[in-house]
């Protein structure tokens, strides 16, 4: 049976830097469907052609193993379930096109890796090593830790550490927190951050800095945000 969405592969043949227009050539042989559906427009997915590294594969398999051990399911079954869940939540139109960790585009596997880390943070799944060692996007990882109130260093229960200093006459209950830079840290690492200082602490744990509070984070932590001053 013909699926609701056609996914075809094309080749970029030209790019005009002045207009920002791509010229793409693709082969499509299903002429009856072309006429019946009156195709006039298409969505284009650009496929990352960089080779996938063994490090990325190992990271995904290690995270899947942690999830499988925690829920008591086989690793192969857990892998397929997590892949389907990832596709269903992120690529609804192509959720029936399962991918392989052996030859999937690098960008897709990186996104899957971030998804696994976020899933473990949300469901409080323990990991033998700090999750930060499995991420390629530190800022996204810090944001997920903020969402789930987990320490970005060790994974324990965390509170906000204000990278932008709040104090010196500034009332925490009155200031607008939206836009301030923060880190989610447990009590131990919160104390360490104050003791070491910002630069030394960030260098030790390879943080590029904190994450700026947005409206979502302000709601989670019950902080004042722009447009909600009163």
N, C-alpha and C. Protein backbone atom coordinates (compact mmCIF):
# COMPACT_ATOMS: atom_id res chain seq x y z
N UNK A 1 0.84 -1.19 0.00
CA UNK A 1 0.00 0.00 0.00
C UNK A 1 0.88 1.25 0.00
N UNK A 2 0.49 2.23 -0.79
CA UNK A 2 1.25 3.47 -0.85
C UNK A 2 1.11 4.23 0.46
N UNK A 3 2.24 4.67 1.03
CA UNK A 3 2.18 5.43 2.28
C UNK A 3 1.69 6.84 2.01
N UNK A 4 1.29 7.53 3.09
CA UNK A 4 0.74 8.88 2.94
C UNK A 4 1.80 9.88 2.51
N UNK A 5 3.07 9.57 2.80
CA UNK A 5 4.14 10.51 2.48
C UNK A 5 5.18 9.83 1.61
N UNK A 6 5.59 10.49 0.56
CA UNK A 6 6.65 10.01 -0.29
C UNK A 6 7.98 10.60 0.18
N UNK A 7 8.95 9.76 0.38
CA UNK A 7 10.29 10.22 0.76
C UNK A 7 11.25 9.78 -0.33
N UNK A 8 11.86 10.73 -1.03
CA UNK A 8 12.80 10.42 -2.10
C UNK A 8 14.13 11.09 -1.80
N UNK A 9 15.17 10.61 -2.45
CA UNK A 9 16.51 11.15 -2.24
C UNK A 9 16.93 11.96 -3.46
N UNK A 10 17.42 13.16 -3.21
CA UNK A 10 17.89 14.02 -4.29
C UNK A 10 19.33 14.41 -4.10
N UNK A 11 19.86 15.12 -5.07
CA UNK A 11 21.25 15.58 -5.03
C UNK A 11 21.29 17.09 -5.21
N UNK A 12 22.04 17.77 -4.37
CA UNK A 12 22.22 19.21 -4.52
C UNK A 12 23.15 19.46 -5.70
N UNK A 13 22.65 20.12 -6.73
CA UNK A 13 23.45 20.36 -7.93
C UNK A 13 23.99 21.78 -8.03
N UNK A 14 23.39 22.71 -7.28
CA UNK A 14 23.86 24.09 -7.36
C UNK A 14 23.36 24.87 -6.15
N UNK A 15 24.11 25.92 -5.81
CA UNK A 15 23.68 26.81 -4.73
C UNK A 15 24.05 28.24 -5.10
N UNK A 16 23.08 29.12 -5.04
CA UNK A 16 23.29 30.54 -5.33
C UNK A 16 23.44 31.29 -4.02
N UNK A 17 24.66 31.74 -3.73
CA UNK A 17 24.92 32.42 -2.45
C UNK A 17 24.17 33.73 -2.34
N UNK A 18 23.92 34.39 -3.47
CA UNK A 18 23.25 35.70 -3.43
C UNK A 18 21.77 35.56 -3.09
N UNK A 19 21.11 34.58 -3.68
CA UNK A 19 19.68 34.41 -3.43
C UNK A 19 19.37 33.41 -2.33
N UNK A 20 20.40 32.57 -1.98
CA UNK A 20 20.18 31.54 -0.98
C UNK A 20 19.36 30.38 -1.50
N UNK A 21 19.34 30.19 -2.83
CA UNK A 21 18.52 29.15 -3.42
C UNK A 21 19.34 27.90 -3.73
N UNK A 22 18.79 26.74 -3.36
CA UNK A 22 19.39 25.46 -3.69
C UNK A 22 18.71 24.89 -4.94
N UNK A 23 19.49 24.28 -5.80
CA UNK A 23 18.93 23.53 -6.92
C UNK A 23 19.13 22.05 -6.62
N UNK A 24 18.02 21.32 -6.58
CA UNK A 24 18.06 19.91 -6.21
C UNK A 24 17.46 19.07 -7.33
N UNK A 25 18.15 18.02 -7.69
CA UNK A 25 17.68 17.09 -8.72
C UNK A 25 17.34 15.76 -8.07
N UNK A 26 16.11 15.28 -8.29
CA UNK A 26 15.68 14.02 -7.68
C UNK A 26 14.90 13.19 -8.70
N UNK A 27 15.02 11.88 -8.59
CA UNK A 27 14.31 10.97 -9.49
C UNK A 27 13.05 10.47 -8.81
N UNK A 28 11.93 10.53 -9.55
CA UNK A 28 10.64 10.04 -9.04
C UNK A 28 9.94 9.29 -10.17
N UNK A 29 9.69 8.00 -9.97
CA UNK A 29 9.20 7.15 -11.06
C UNK A 29 7.71 6.81 -10.97
N UNK A 30 7.06 7.18 -9.87
CA UNK A 30 5.64 6.81 -9.69
C UNK A 30 4.75 7.88 -10.32
N UNK A 31 4.69 7.84 -11.65
CA UNK A 31 3.93 8.86 -12.38
C UNK A 31 2.44 8.86 -12.05
N UNK A 32 1.76 7.69 -11.91
CA UNK A 32 0.32 7.70 -11.57
C UNK A 32 0.03 8.42 -10.25
N UNK A 33 0.88 8.18 -9.22
CA UNK A 33 0.67 8.87 -7.94
C UNK A 33 0.93 10.36 -8.09
N UNK A 34 1.92 10.70 -8.90
CA UNK A 34 2.23 12.11 -9.15
C UNK A 34 1.01 12.83 -9.71
N UNK A 35 0.32 12.20 -10.65
CA UNK A 35 -0.86 12.81 -11.26
C UNK A 35 -2.05 12.81 -10.30
N UNK A 36 -2.25 11.67 -9.62
CA UNK A 36 -3.42 11.53 -8.75
C UNK A 36 -3.37 12.52 -7.58
N UNK A 37 -2.21 12.68 -7.02
CA UNK A 37 -2.07 13.57 -5.85
C UNK A 37 -1.76 15.02 -6.26
N UNK A 38 -1.55 15.24 -7.52
CA UNK A 38 -1.32 16.60 -8.02
C UNK A 38 -0.17 17.27 -7.26
N UNK A 39 0.94 16.57 -7.14
CA UNK A 39 2.09 17.12 -6.42
C UNK A 39 2.56 18.43 -7.06
N UNK A 40 2.70 19.46 -6.24
CA UNK A 40 3.21 20.74 -6.71
C UNK A 40 4.34 21.27 -5.80
N UNK A 41 4.29 20.87 -4.55
CA UNK A 41 5.32 21.30 -3.61
C UNK A 41 5.91 20.07 -2.92
N UNK A 42 7.06 20.24 -2.31
CA UNK A 42 7.67 19.13 -1.59
C UNK A 42 8.45 19.65 -0.40
N UNK A 43 8.62 18.78 0.58
CA UNK A 43 9.49 19.07 1.71
C UNK A 43 10.83 18.40 1.46
N UNK A 44 11.89 19.08 1.81
CA UNK A 44 13.22 18.58 1.51
C UNK A 44 13.99 18.36 2.82
N UNK A 45 14.47 17.18 3.01
CA UNK A 45 15.31 16.88 4.18
C UNK A 45 16.75 16.74 3.72
N UNK A 46 17.60 17.62 4.22
CA UNK A 46 19.01 17.55 3.87
C UNK A 46 19.68 16.51 4.76
N UNK A 47 20.40 15.59 4.15
CA UNK A 47 20.98 14.45 4.88
C UNK A 47 22.46 14.69 5.15
N UNK A 48 22.83 14.62 6.40
CA UNK A 48 24.21 14.80 6.83
C UNK A 48 25.07 13.68 6.22
N UNK A 49 26.10 14.05 5.46
CA UNK A 49 26.93 13.04 4.79
C UNK A 49 28.22 12.73 5.55
N UNK A 50 28.39 13.32 6.73
CA UNK A 50 29.60 13.03 7.51
C UNK A 50 29.57 11.59 8.02
N UNK A 51 30.70 10.93 8.04
CA UNK A 51 30.73 9.54 8.54
C UNK A 51 30.49 9.49 10.04
N UNK A 52 29.73 8.49 10.46
CA UNK A 52 29.43 8.29 11.88
C UNK A 52 30.65 7.70 12.57
N UNK A 53 30.96 8.20 13.76
CA UNK A 53 32.13 7.72 14.48
C UNK A 53 31.78 6.56 15.40
N UNK A 54 32.77 5.72 15.68
CA UNK A 54 32.56 4.62 16.62
C UNK A 54 32.22 5.15 18.01
N UNK A 55 32.76 6.31 18.35
CA UNK A 55 32.49 6.91 19.67
C UNK A 55 31.01 7.20 19.83
N UNK A 56 30.38 7.73 18.77
CA UNK A 56 28.95 8.03 18.83
C UNK A 56 28.12 6.76 18.94
N UNK A 57 28.49 5.74 18.18
CA UNK A 57 27.76 4.47 18.28
C UNK A 57 27.87 3.89 19.69
N UNK A 58 29.10 3.87 20.21
CA UNK A 58 29.32 3.30 21.55
C UNK A 58 28.53 4.06 22.60
N UNK A 59 28.46 5.39 22.46
CA UNK A 59 27.71 6.19 23.42
C UNK A 59 26.24 5.82 23.40
N UNK A 60 25.67 5.68 22.20
CA UNK A 60 24.25 5.30 22.09
C UNK A 60 24.00 3.92 22.68
N UNK A 61 24.86 2.98 22.36
CA UNK A 61 24.68 1.62 22.88
C UNK A 61 24.84 1.58 24.40
N UNK A 62 25.76 2.38 24.94
CA UNK A 62 25.94 2.42 26.39
C UNK A 62 24.70 2.99 27.08
N UNK A 63 24.11 4.05 26.51
CA UNK A 63 22.90 4.64 27.08
C UNK A 63 21.72 3.67 26.99
N UNK A 64 21.60 2.99 25.86
CA UNK A 64 20.53 2.00 25.69
C UNK A 64 20.69 0.87 26.71
N UNK A 65 21.93 0.45 26.95
CA UNK A 65 22.17 -0.61 27.93
C UNK A 65 21.74 -0.18 29.33
N UNK A 66 22.01 1.08 29.69
CA UNK A 66 21.61 1.59 31.01
C UNK A 66 20.08 1.59 31.13
N UNK A 67 19.39 2.01 30.07
CA UNK A 67 17.93 2.03 30.09
C UNK A 67 17.37 0.61 30.18
N UNK A 68 17.93 -0.30 29.37
CA UNK A 68 17.47 -1.69 29.36
C UNK A 68 17.64 -2.34 30.73
N UNK A 69 18.80 -2.13 31.35
CA UNK A 69 19.05 -2.72 32.67
C UNK A 69 18.09 -2.17 33.71
N UNK A 70 17.78 -0.88 33.61
CA UNK A 70 16.91 -0.24 34.59
C UNK A 70 15.47 -0.75 34.48
N UNK A 71 14.98 -0.90 33.24
CA UNK A 71 13.58 -1.31 33.05
C UNK A 71 13.42 -2.83 33.00
N UNK A 72 14.54 -3.55 32.93
CA UNK A 72 14.48 -5.01 32.93
C UNK A 72 14.07 -5.62 31.60
N UNK A 73 14.38 -4.91 30.50
CA UNK A 73 14.08 -5.43 29.17
C UNK A 73 15.38 -5.81 28.46
N UNK A 74 15.28 -6.61 27.40
CA UNK A 74 16.44 -6.94 26.60
C UNK A 74 16.96 -5.70 25.88
N UNK A 75 18.25 -5.69 25.60
CA UNK A 75 18.85 -4.50 25.00
C UNK A 75 18.39 -4.28 23.56
N UNK A 76 18.23 -5.35 22.78
CA UNK A 76 17.77 -5.19 21.41
C UNK A 76 16.34 -4.64 21.38
N UNK A 77 15.50 -5.16 22.24
CA UNK A 77 14.11 -4.69 22.29
C UNK A 77 14.06 -3.23 22.75
N UNK A 78 14.88 -2.90 23.74
CA UNK A 78 14.93 -1.52 24.22
C UNK A 78 15.43 -0.59 23.13
N UNK A 79 16.44 -1.02 22.38
CA UNK A 79 16.99 -0.21 21.30
C UNK A 79 15.93 0.12 20.26
N UNK A 80 15.18 -0.89 19.82
CA UNK A 80 14.16 -0.66 18.80
C UNK A 80 13.03 0.21 19.33
N UNK A 81 12.65 0.00 20.60
CA UNK A 81 11.59 0.82 21.20
C UNK A 81 12.02 2.28 21.28
N UNK A 82 13.25 2.54 21.73
CA UNK A 82 13.72 3.91 21.88
C UNK A 82 13.87 4.59 20.52
N UNK A 83 14.28 3.85 19.50
CA UNK A 83 14.38 4.41 18.16
C UNK A 83 13.01 4.81 17.63
N UNK A 84 12.03 3.95 17.81
CA UNK A 84 10.67 4.26 17.36
C UNK A 84 10.09 5.45 18.13
N UNK A 85 10.32 5.49 19.43
CA UNK A 85 9.83 6.59 20.25
C UNK A 85 10.47 7.91 19.82
N UNK A 86 11.76 7.86 19.55
CA UNK A 86 12.49 9.04 19.08
C UNK A 86 11.93 9.55 17.76
N UNK A 87 11.73 8.65 16.82
CA UNK A 87 11.20 9.04 15.51
C UNK A 87 9.78 9.57 15.62
N UNK A 88 8.95 8.92 16.44
CA UNK A 88 7.56 9.34 16.59
C UNK A 88 7.45 10.73 17.18
N UNK A 89 8.35 11.07 18.10
CA UNK A 89 8.29 12.36 18.77
C UNK A 89 8.96 13.47 17.99
N UNK A 90 9.89 13.11 17.10
CA UNK A 90 10.67 14.15 16.42
C UNK A 90 10.45 14.21 14.92
N UNK A 91 10.05 13.10 14.32
CA UNK A 91 9.88 13.07 12.87
C UNK A 91 8.59 12.33 12.54
N UNK A 92 7.47 12.92 12.91
CA UNK A 92 6.19 12.23 12.81
C UNK A 92 5.89 11.72 11.40
N UNK A 93 6.29 12.46 10.38
CA UNK A 93 5.93 12.10 9.02
C UNK A 93 6.71 10.90 8.50
N UNK A 94 7.86 10.61 9.11
CA UNK A 94 8.67 9.48 8.65
C UNK A 94 8.91 8.48 9.76
N UNK A 95 7.99 8.40 10.72
CA UNK A 95 8.19 7.53 11.88
C UNK A 95 8.20 6.05 11.52
N UNK A 96 7.73 5.72 10.30
CA UNK A 96 7.75 4.32 9.90
C UNK A 96 9.08 3.93 9.24
N UNK A 97 9.98 4.89 9.10
CA UNK A 97 11.28 4.62 8.47
C UNK A 97 12.35 4.49 9.54
N UNK A 98 12.52 3.28 10.07
CA UNK A 98 13.46 3.06 11.15
C UNK A 98 14.88 3.25 10.63
N UNK A 99 15.79 3.66 11.49
CA UNK A 99 17.17 3.90 11.08
C UNK A 99 18.10 2.91 11.78
N UNK A 100 19.29 2.79 11.25
CA UNK A 100 20.30 1.89 11.82
C UNK A 100 21.44 2.71 12.40
N UNK A 101 21.92 2.28 13.56
CA UNK A 101 23.05 2.96 14.17
C UNK A 101 24.36 2.67 13.44
N UNK A 102 24.32 1.79 12.46
CA UNK A 102 25.53 1.46 11.72
C UNK A 102 25.79 2.42 10.57
N UNK A 103 24.72 3.01 10.01
CA UNK A 103 24.93 3.86 8.85
C UNK A 103 24.02 5.08 8.80
N UNK A 104 23.36 5.43 9.89
CA UNK A 104 22.49 6.61 9.91
C UNK A 104 23.32 7.88 9.80
N UNK A 105 22.73 8.98 9.32
CA UNK A 105 23.45 10.26 9.26
C UNK A 105 23.94 10.69 10.64
N UNK A 106 25.10 11.33 10.69
CA UNK A 106 25.67 11.74 11.97
C UNK A 106 24.72 12.63 12.76
N UNK A 107 24.09 13.60 12.08
CA UNK A 107 23.20 14.53 12.78
C UNK A 107 22.02 13.81 13.42
N UNK A 108 21.50 12.76 12.74
CA UNK A 108 20.38 12.00 13.28
C UNK A 108 20.80 11.23 14.52
N UNK A 109 21.97 10.60 14.48
CA UNK A 109 22.44 9.83 15.63
C UNK A 109 22.77 10.75 16.79
N UNK A 110 23.33 11.93 16.50
CA UNK A 110 23.59 12.91 17.57
C UNK A 110 22.29 13.33 18.24
N UNK A 111 21.25 13.55 17.44
CA UNK A 111 19.95 13.91 17.99
C UNK A 111 19.38 12.75 18.82
N UNK A 112 19.55 11.52 18.33
CA UNK A 112 19.09 10.35 19.07
C UNK A 112 19.83 10.22 20.40
N UNK A 113 21.11 10.51 20.38
CA UNK A 113 21.92 10.46 21.60
C UNK A 113 21.42 11.48 22.62
N UNK A 114 21.12 12.70 22.16
CA UNK A 114 20.58 13.72 23.06
C UNK A 114 19.22 13.29 23.60
N UNK A 115 18.42 12.64 22.76
CA UNK A 115 17.11 12.14 23.17
C UNK A 115 17.24 11.11 24.28
N UNK A 116 18.20 10.19 24.16
CA UNK A 116 18.41 9.17 25.18
C UNK A 116 18.82 9.80 26.51
N UNK A 117 19.70 10.78 26.45
CA UNK A 117 20.14 11.47 27.67
C UNK A 117 18.96 12.17 28.33
N UNK A 118 18.16 12.88 27.53
CA UNK A 118 16.99 13.59 28.08
C UNK A 118 15.99 12.61 28.68
N UNK A 119 15.81 11.47 28.04
CA UNK A 119 14.90 10.43 28.54
C UNK A 119 15.37 9.93 29.90
N UNK A 120 16.68 9.70 30.05
CA UNK A 120 17.22 9.22 31.32
C UNK A 120 17.09 10.26 32.42
N UNK A 121 17.27 11.53 32.06
CA UNK A 121 17.10 12.60 33.05
C UNK A 121 15.64 12.68 33.49
N UNK A 122 14.72 12.60 32.53
CA UNK A 122 13.29 12.74 32.85
C UNK A 122 12.80 11.61 33.74
N UNK A 123 13.27 10.38 33.48
CA UNK A 123 12.78 9.22 34.21
C UNK A 123 13.72 8.79 35.33
N UNK A 124 14.70 9.65 35.62
CA UNK A 124 15.60 9.41 36.75
C UNK A 124 16.28 8.05 36.66
N UNK A 125 16.77 7.71 35.48
CA UNK A 125 17.45 6.43 35.27
C UNK A 125 18.93 6.60 35.60
N UNK A 126 19.46 5.81 36.51
CA UNK A 126 20.86 5.96 36.92
C UNK A 126 21.82 5.56 35.81
N UNK A 127 23.01 6.12 35.87
CA UNK A 127 24.03 5.83 34.87
C UNK A 127 25.36 5.62 35.59
N UNK A 128 26.13 4.66 35.11
CA UNK A 128 27.39 4.32 35.79
C UNK A 128 28.43 5.44 35.70
N UNK A 129 28.34 6.24 34.67
CA UNK A 129 29.25 7.39 34.53
C UNK A 129 28.40 8.64 34.36
N UNK A 130 28.93 9.83 34.67
CA UNK A 130 28.13 11.06 34.50
C UNK A 130 27.61 11.19 33.07
N UNK A 131 26.35 11.54 32.94
CA UNK A 131 25.73 11.65 31.62
C UNK A 131 26.42 12.67 30.73
N UNK A 132 27.03 13.66 31.34
CA UNK A 132 27.68 14.70 30.54
C UNK A 132 28.76 14.12 29.63
N UNK A 133 29.29 12.95 29.98
CA UNK A 133 30.31 12.32 29.14
C UNK A 133 29.73 11.74 27.86
N UNK A 134 28.40 11.69 27.77
CA UNK A 134 27.76 11.12 26.59
C UNK A 134 27.12 12.17 25.68
N UNK A 135 27.36 13.44 25.94
CA UNK A 135 26.67 14.47 25.17
C UNK A 135 27.64 15.21 24.25
N UNK A 136 27.10 15.67 23.13
CA UNK A 136 27.90 16.48 22.20
C UNK A 136 27.49 17.94 22.22
N UNK A 137 26.33 18.22 22.81
CA UNK A 137 25.83 19.59 22.92
C UNK A 137 25.65 19.90 24.40
N UNK A 138 26.67 20.53 24.99
CA UNK A 138 26.66 20.78 26.43
C UNK A 138 25.52 21.72 26.83
N UNK A 139 25.28 22.75 26.02
CA UNK A 139 24.22 23.72 26.36
C UNK A 139 22.85 23.04 26.39
N UNK A 140 22.58 22.15 25.43
CA UNK A 140 21.31 21.43 25.42
C UNK A 140 21.21 20.52 26.64
N UNK A 141 22.33 19.87 27.00
CA UNK A 141 22.35 18.99 28.18
C UNK A 141 22.05 19.79 29.45
N UNK A 142 22.67 20.95 29.59
CA UNK A 142 22.42 21.79 30.76
C UNK A 142 20.95 22.19 30.82
N UNK A 143 20.37 22.53 29.67
CA UNK A 143 18.96 22.91 29.63
C UNK A 143 18.07 21.75 30.09
N UNK A 144 18.36 20.54 29.60
CA UNK A 144 17.59 19.37 30.02
C UNK A 144 17.73 19.12 31.52
N UNK A 145 18.93 19.34 32.05
CA UNK A 145 19.14 19.21 33.50
C UNK A 145 18.32 20.24 34.26
N UNK A 146 18.23 21.46 33.72
CA UNK A 146 17.43 22.50 34.35
C UNK A 146 15.95 22.10 34.34
N UNK A 147 15.47 21.58 33.22
CA UNK A 147 14.07 21.15 33.10
C UNK A 147 13.74 20.10 34.17
N UNK A 148 14.68 19.18 34.38
CA UNK A 148 14.44 18.05 35.29
C UNK A 148 15.03 18.24 36.68
N UNK A 149 15.60 19.42 36.93
CA UNK A 149 16.17 19.77 38.23
C UNK A 149 17.23 18.76 38.67
N UNK A 150 18.13 18.45 37.75
CA UNK A 150 19.23 17.52 38.01
C UNK A 150 20.56 18.26 37.90
N UNK A 151 21.49 17.93 38.79
CA UNK A 151 22.81 18.56 38.76
C UNK A 151 23.50 18.21 37.45
N UNK A 152 24.02 19.21 36.76
CA UNK A 152 24.67 18.99 35.47
C UNK A 152 26.01 18.27 35.62
N UNK A 153 26.53 18.20 36.84
CA UNK A 153 27.81 17.53 37.07
C UNK A 153 27.60 16.07 37.44
N UNK A 154 26.74 15.82 38.44
CA UNK A 154 26.64 14.46 38.99
C UNK A 154 25.26 13.82 38.84
N UNK A 155 24.24 14.59 38.48
CA UNK A 155 22.91 14.04 38.29
C UNK A 155 22.03 14.02 39.53
N UNK A 156 22.56 14.47 40.68
CA UNK A 156 21.74 14.52 41.90
C UNK A 156 20.72 15.65 41.81
N UNK A 157 19.81 15.67 42.76
CA UNK A 157 18.80 16.73 42.82
C UNK A 157 19.50 18.08 42.88
N UNK A 158 19.00 19.02 42.09
CA UNK A 158 19.72 20.30 41.96
C UNK A 158 18.81 21.49 42.21
N UNK A 159 19.44 22.59 42.57
CA UNK A 159 18.82 23.90 42.65
C UNK A 159 19.53 24.81 41.66
N UNK A 160 19.03 26.03 41.51
CA UNK A 160 19.65 26.97 40.59
C UNK A 160 20.91 27.59 41.18
N UNK A 161 21.96 27.60 40.41
CA UNK A 161 23.15 28.37 40.71
C UNK A 161 23.18 29.52 39.73
N UNK A 162 23.08 30.75 40.24
CA UNK A 162 23.08 31.93 39.38
C UNK A 162 24.51 32.28 38.97
N UNK A 163 24.79 32.12 37.68
CA UNK A 163 26.08 32.55 37.15
C UNK A 163 26.12 34.07 37.17
N UNK A 164 25.00 34.70 36.76
CA UNK A 164 24.85 36.15 36.94
C UNK A 164 24.49 36.37 38.40
N UNK A 165 25.37 37.00 39.13
CA UNK A 165 25.22 37.11 40.58
C UNK A 165 23.93 37.82 40.96
N UNK A 166 23.19 37.19 41.86
CA UNK A 166 21.99 37.79 42.44
C UNK A 166 22.30 38.04 43.91
N UNK A 167 22.31 39.26 44.29
CA UNK A 167 22.68 39.62 45.65
C UNK A 167 23.11 41.08 45.68
N UNK A 168 23.89 41.44 46.64
CA UNK A 168 24.41 42.80 46.74
C UNK A 168 23.27 43.81 46.61
N UNK A 169 22.23 43.59 47.39
CA UNK A 169 21.10 44.51 47.40
C UNK A 169 19.99 44.15 46.43
N UNK A 170 20.18 43.08 45.62
CA UNK A 170 19.14 42.68 44.68
C UNK A 170 18.25 41.62 45.34
N UNK A 171 16.99 41.88 45.45
CA UNK A 171 16.04 40.98 46.11
C UNK A 171 15.66 39.86 45.14
N UNK A 172 15.97 38.60 45.50
CA UNK A 172 15.66 37.47 44.63
C UNK A 172 14.17 37.35 44.34
N UNK A 173 13.34 37.83 45.25
CA UNK A 173 11.90 37.71 45.07
C UNK A 173 11.36 38.78 44.13
N UNK A 174 12.11 39.83 43.92
CA UNK A 174 11.59 40.97 43.17
C UNK A 174 12.18 41.12 41.78
N UNK A 175 13.39 40.65 41.55
CA UNK A 175 14.03 40.87 40.26
C UNK A 175 13.40 39.99 39.17
N UNK A 176 13.57 40.40 37.93
CA UNK A 176 13.14 39.61 36.78
C UNK A 176 14.28 38.64 36.47
N UNK A 177 13.99 37.34 36.61
CA UNK A 177 15.03 36.33 36.41
C UNK A 177 15.21 35.95 34.94
N UNK A 178 14.18 36.13 34.13
CA UNK A 178 14.28 35.75 32.72
C UNK A 178 15.48 36.46 32.08
N UNK A 179 16.33 35.69 31.42
CA UNK A 179 17.51 36.25 30.79
C UNK A 179 18.77 36.12 31.61
N UNK A 180 18.62 35.78 32.91
CA UNK A 180 19.79 35.57 33.75
C UNK A 180 20.41 34.20 33.46
N UNK A 181 21.73 34.12 33.59
CA UNK A 181 22.46 32.89 33.28
C UNK A 181 22.57 32.02 34.53
N UNK A 182 22.21 30.75 34.39
CA UNK A 182 22.19 29.85 35.55
C UNK A 182 22.76 28.47 35.18
N UNK A 183 23.05 27.70 36.22
CA UNK A 183 23.43 26.29 36.09
C UNK A 183 22.62 25.49 37.11
N UNK A 184 22.24 24.25 36.80
CA UNK A 184 21.60 23.41 37.81
C UNK A 184 22.68 22.62 38.56
N UNK A 185 22.81 22.86 39.84
CA UNK A 185 23.87 22.22 40.62
C UNK A 185 23.32 21.72 41.95
N UNK A 186 23.82 20.56 42.40
CA UNK A 186 23.48 20.05 43.72
C UNK A 186 24.20 20.90 44.76
N UNK A 187 23.91 20.67 46.03
CA UNK A 187 24.50 21.48 47.09
C UNK A 187 26.03 21.41 47.06
N UNK A 188 26.56 20.19 46.85
CA UNK A 188 28.02 20.02 46.86
C UNK A 188 28.68 20.81 45.73
N UNK A 189 28.16 20.71 44.54
CA UNK A 189 28.78 21.40 43.41
C UNK A 189 28.43 22.88 43.38
N UNK A 190 27.31 23.24 44.00
CA UNK A 190 26.97 24.65 44.16
C UNK A 190 28.03 25.32 45.03
N UNK A 191 28.37 24.68 46.13
CA UNK A 191 29.40 25.21 47.02
C UNK A 191 30.75 25.27 46.31
N UNK A 192 31.06 24.22 45.54
CA UNK A 192 32.33 24.19 44.81
C UNK A 192 32.40 25.34 43.80
N UNK A 193 31.29 25.62 43.14
CA UNK A 193 31.27 26.70 42.15
C UNK A 193 31.58 28.04 42.79
N UNK A 194 31.01 28.28 43.98
CA UNK A 194 31.28 29.54 44.69
C UNK A 194 32.73 29.59 45.18
N UNK A 195 33.26 28.45 45.59
CA UNK A 195 34.62 28.39 46.13
C UNK A 195 35.66 28.58 45.03
N UNK A 196 35.48 27.90 43.90
CA UNK A 196 36.46 27.93 42.82
C UNK A 196 36.38 29.19 41.97
N UNK A 197 35.21 29.75 41.85
CA UNK A 197 35.03 30.85 40.93
C UNK A 197 34.55 30.35 39.58
N UNK A 198 33.90 31.23 38.83
CA UNK A 198 33.23 30.84 37.59
C UNK A 198 34.16 30.19 36.57
N UNK A 199 35.26 30.84 36.25
CA UNK A 199 36.12 30.35 35.17
C UNK A 199 36.74 28.99 35.50
N UNK A 200 37.27 28.86 36.70
CA UNK A 200 37.91 27.60 37.10
C UNK A 200 36.90 26.46 37.13
N UNK A 201 35.69 26.74 37.63
CA UNK A 201 34.64 25.72 37.71
C UNK A 201 34.23 25.27 36.31
N UNK A 202 34.02 26.22 35.42
CA UNK A 202 33.61 25.88 34.05
C UNK A 202 34.69 25.09 33.32
N UNK A 203 35.94 25.45 33.54
CA UNK A 203 37.04 24.72 32.90
C UNK A 203 37.15 23.30 33.43
N UNK A 204 36.94 23.12 34.74
CA UNK A 204 37.04 21.79 35.34
C UNK A 204 35.99 20.84 34.76
N UNK A 205 34.77 21.34 34.57
CA UNK A 205 33.67 20.47 34.11
C UNK A 205 33.32 20.70 32.64
N UNK A 206 34.12 21.47 31.94
CA UNK A 206 33.96 21.70 30.50
C UNK A 206 32.62 22.33 30.16
N UNK A 207 32.17 23.24 31.02
CA UNK A 207 30.95 23.98 30.73
C UNK A 207 31.30 25.22 29.91
N UNK A 208 30.56 25.52 28.85
CA UNK A 208 30.79 26.76 28.11
C UNK A 208 30.28 27.97 28.88
N UNK A 209 29.55 27.73 29.93
CA UNK A 209 28.90 28.77 30.72
C UNK A 209 27.56 28.22 31.17
N UNK A 210 26.69 29.10 31.64
CA UNK A 210 25.36 28.66 32.03
C UNK A 210 24.38 28.77 30.89
N UNK A 211 23.11 28.61 31.19
CA UNK A 211 22.02 28.76 30.24
C UNK A 211 21.12 29.88 30.72
N UNK A 212 20.67 30.73 29.81
CA UNK A 212 19.81 31.84 30.19
C UNK A 212 18.40 31.35 30.48
N UNK A 213 17.85 31.81 31.57
CA UNK A 213 16.48 31.44 31.94
C UNK A 213 15.48 31.97 30.92
N UNK A 214 14.64 31.07 30.39
CA UNK A 214 13.56 31.51 29.51
C UNK A 214 12.24 31.41 30.28
N UNK A 215 11.15 31.68 29.59
CA UNK A 215 9.85 31.68 30.26
C UNK A 215 9.50 30.30 30.81
N UNK A 216 9.84 29.24 30.07
CA UNK A 216 9.55 27.88 30.53
C UNK A 216 10.28 27.58 31.83
N UNK A 217 11.57 27.88 31.87
CA UNK A 217 12.35 27.62 33.08
C UNK A 217 11.86 28.48 34.24
N UNK A 218 11.49 29.71 33.96
CA UNK A 218 10.98 30.58 35.03
C UNK A 218 9.69 30.03 35.63
N UNK A 219 8.85 29.44 34.77
CA UNK A 219 7.61 28.84 35.29
C UNK A 219 7.94 27.62 36.16
N UNK A 220 8.89 26.80 35.72
CA UNK A 220 9.26 25.61 36.48
C UNK A 220 9.79 25.98 37.85
N UNK A 221 10.61 27.02 37.91
CA UNK A 221 11.24 27.41 39.18
C UNK A 221 10.48 28.52 39.91
N UNK A 222 9.30 28.88 39.35
CA UNK A 222 8.43 29.89 39.98
C UNK A 222 9.18 31.21 40.17
N UNK A 223 9.79 31.68 39.10
CA UNK A 223 10.55 32.92 39.11
C UNK A 223 9.85 33.97 38.25
N UNK A 224 10.06 35.20 38.55
CA UNK A 224 9.44 36.28 37.78
C UNK A 224 10.07 36.35 36.39
N UNK A 225 9.20 36.54 35.39
CA UNK A 225 9.66 36.64 34.00
C UNK A 225 9.11 37.93 33.39
N UNK A 226 9.62 38.27 32.23
CA UNK A 226 9.22 39.50 31.57
C UNK A 226 7.74 39.44 31.22
N UNK A 227 7.04 40.54 31.48
CA UNK A 227 5.61 40.58 31.25
C UNK A 227 4.80 40.02 32.40
N UNK A 228 5.49 39.58 33.46
CA UNK A 228 4.82 39.01 34.63
C UNK A 228 5.45 39.57 35.91
N UNK A 229 5.70 40.88 35.86
CA UNK A 229 6.43 41.53 36.94
C UNK A 229 5.65 41.61 38.24
N UNK A 230 4.34 41.68 38.15
CA UNK A 230 3.53 41.88 39.36
C UNK A 230 3.18 40.55 40.02
